[in-house]
Amino acid sequence: MSAMYDRLVDLLVDRFEVDRAEIGPGTTFEDLDMDSLFLVELLLVIQSDFGVQVSDDAASPGDTITQVADLIGRLASAEASA
């Protein structure tokens, strides 16, 4: 997996106390019992920790961990090249 995926998994485990064994590339936030309110909080933490600007509706509970990691990677690349 990508370095961004690994960072996102570490964030979920360390900051949100998600069991690492429950997380896989195809795991959705719904699978982890995380709703849209949780995602707003997660995206705020991502903005702070990863240094990217993410809108509050950039992810949904049905998105996978991989999809959100890819989104963060694209945003980080765009901001780095700007």
C-alpha atoms as a PDB file:
ATOM      1  CA  MET A   1       0.000   0.000   0.000  1.00  0.00           C
ATOM      2  CA  SER A   2       0.984   3.642  -0.268  1.00  0.00           C
ATOM      3  CA  ALA A   3       2.731   5.689   2.381  1.00  0.00           C
ATOM      4  CA  MET A   4      -0.407   7.851   2.631  1.00  0.00           C
ATOM      5  CA  TYR A   5      -2.511   4.751   3.287  1.00  0.00           C
ATOM      6  CA  ASP A   6      -0.113   3.728   6.063  1.00  0.00           C
ATOM      7  CA  ARG A   7      -0.253   7.219   7.581  1.00  0.00           C
ATOM      8  CA  LEU A   8      -4.056   7.202   7.502  1.00  0.00           C
ATOM      9  CA  VAL A   9      -4.203   3.773   9.161  1.00  0.00           C
ATOM     10  CA  ASP A  10      -1.751   4.963  11.837  1.00  0.00           C
ATOM     11  CA  LEU A  11      -3.934   8.027  12.414  1.00  0.00           C
ATOM     12  CA  LEU A  12      -7.075   5.909  12.804  1.00  0.00           C
ATOM     13  CA  VAL A  13      -5.306   3.576  15.246  1.00  0.00           C
ATOM     14  CA  ASP A  14      -3.431   6.188  17.279  1.00  0.00           C
ATOM     15  CA  ARG A  15      -5.904   9.068  17.411  1.00  0.00           C
ATOM     16  CA  PHE A  16      -9.262   7.335  17.039  1.00  0.00           C
ATOM     17  CA  GLU A  17      -8.459   4.012  18.751  1.00  0.00           C
ATOM     18  CA  VAL A  18      -9.549   1.832  15.841  1.00  0.00           C
ATOM     19  CA  ASP A  19      -8.296  -1.752  16.047  1.00  0.00           C
ATOM     20  CA  ARG A  20      -5.616  -2.166  13.356  1.00  0.00           C
ATOM     21  CA  ALA A  21      -6.894  -5.709  12.678  1.00  0.00           C
ATOM     22  CA  GLU A  22     -10.246  -4.268  11.518  1.00  0.00           C
ATOM     23  CA  ILE A  23      -8.646  -2.062   8.854  1.00  0.00           C
ATOM     24  CA  GLY A  24      -7.906  -3.235   5.331  1.00  0.00           C
ATOM     25  CA  PRO A  25      -7.677  -1.567   1.917  1.00  0.00           C
ATOM     26  CA  GLY A  26     -11.340  -2.300   1.152  1.00  0.00           C
ATOM     27  CA  THR A  27     -12.632  -1.423   4.614  1.00  0.00           C
ATOM     28  CA  THR A  28     -15.206   1.369   4.575  1.00  0.00           C
ATOM     29  CA  PHE A  29     -15.833   3.817   7.362  1.00  0.00           C
ATOM     30  CA  GLU A  30     -19.286   2.224   7.697  1.00  0.00           C
ATOM     31  CA  ASP A  31     -17.543  -1.103   8.338  1.00  0.00           C
ATOM     32  CA  LEU A  32     -15.796   0.620  11.256  1.00  0.00           C
ATOM     33  CA  ASP A  33     -19.152   2.005  12.525  1.00  0.00           C
ATOM     34  CA  MET A  34     -18.081   5.563  11.694  1.00  0.00           C
ATOM     35  CA  ASP A  35     -20.721   8.012  10.550  1.00  0.00           C
ATOM     36  CA  SER A  36     -20.552  11.312   8.676  1.00  0.00           C
ATOM     37  CA  LEU A  37     -19.960  13.274  11.897  1.00  0.00           C
ATOM     38  CA  PHE A  38     -16.889  11.140  12.578  1.00  0.00           C
ATOM     39  CA  LEU A  39     -15.673  11.809   9.039  1.00  0.00           C
ATOM     40  CA  VAL A  40     -15.902  15.568   9.560  1.00  0.00           C
ATOM     41  CA  GLU A  41     -13.729  15.212  12.659  1.00  0.00           C
ATOM     42  CA  LEU A  42     -11.326  12.906  10.799  1.00  0.00           C
ATOM     43  CA  LEU A  43     -11.016  15.333   7.887  1.00  0.00           C
ATOM     44  CA  LEU A  44     -10.219  18.178  10.304  1.00  0.00           C
ATOM     45  CA  VAL A  45      -7.471  16.082  11.874  1.00  0.00           C
ATOM     46  CA  ILE A  46      -6.170  15.170   8.407  1.00  0.00           C
ATOM     47  CA  GLN A  47      -6.007  18.857   7.492  1.00  0.00           C
ATOM     48  CA  SER A  48      -3.994  19.564  10.617  1.00  0.00           C
ATOM     49  CA  ASP A  49      -1.708  16.522  10.586  1.00  0.00           C
ATOM     50  CA  PHE A  50      -1.185  16.127   6.841  1.00  0.00           C
ATOM     51  CA  GLY A  51      -1.172  19.821   5.942  1.00  0.00           C
ATOM     52  CA  VAL A  52      -3.787  19.562   3.186  1.00  0.00           C
ATOM     53  CA  GLN A  53      -7.055  21.409   2.672  1.00  0.00           C
ATOM     54  CA  VAL A  54      -9.969  18.970   2.621  1.00  0.00           C
ATOM     55  CA  SER A  55     -13.612  19.975   2.353  1.00  0.00           C
ATOM     56  CA  ASP A  56     -16.033  18.647   4.965  1.00  0.00           C
ATOM     57  CA  ASP A  57     -17.860  16.586   2.343  1.00  0.00           C
ATOM     58  CA  ALA A  58     -14.777  15.121   0.646  1.00  0.00           C
ATOM     59  CA  ALA A  59     -15.488  11.651   2.037  1.00  0.00           C
ATOM     60  CA  SER A  60     -18.554   9.619   2.892  1.00  0.00           C
ATOM     61  CA  PRO A  61     -19.096   6.685   5.262  1.00  0.00           C
ATOM     62  CA  GLY A  62     -19.228   4.354   2.238  1.00  0.00           C
ATOM     63  CA  ASP A  63     -15.725   5.315   1.097  1.00  0.00           C
ATOM     64  CA  THR A  64     -12.874   2.902   1.680  1.00  0.00           C
ATOM     65  CA  ILE A  65      -9.707   3.672   3.590  1.00  0.00           C
ATOM     66  CA  THR A  66      -7.841   3.379   0.274  1.00  0.00           C
ATOM     67  CA  GLN A  67     -10.116   5.914  -1.440  1.00  0.00           C
ATOM     68  CA  VAL A  68      -9.553   8.488   1.293  1.00  0.00           C
ATOM     69  CA  ALA A  69      -5.794   7.825   1.333  1.00  0.00           C
ATOM     70  CA  ASP A  70      -5.729   8.354  -2.448  1.00  0.00           C
ATOM     71  CA  LEU A  71      -7.693  11.596  -2.043  1.00  0.00           C
ATOM     72  CA  ILE A  72      -5.232  12.877   0.571  1.00  0.00           C
ATOM     73  CA  GLY A  73      -2.318  11.907  -1.676  1.00  0.00           C
ATOM     74  CA  ARG A  74      -3.802  13.793  -4.640  1.00  0.00           C
ATOM     75  CA  LEU A  75      -4.475  16.867  -2.521  1.00  0.00           C
ATOM     76  CA  ALA A  76      -0.965  16.791  -1.040  1.00  0.00           C
ATOM     77  CA  SER A  77       0.560  16.482  -4.524  1.00  0.00           C
ATOM     78  CA  ALA A  78      -1.561  19.346  -5.856  1.00  0.00           C
ATOM     79  CA  GLU A  79      -0.606  21.610  -2.968  1.00  0.00           C
ATOM     80  CA  ALA A  80       3.079  20.681  -3.264  1.00  0.00           C
ATOM     81  CA  SER A  81       3.117  21.598  -6.961  1.00  0.00           C
ATOM     82  CA  ALA A  82       1.160  24.837  -6.476  1.00  0.00           C
END
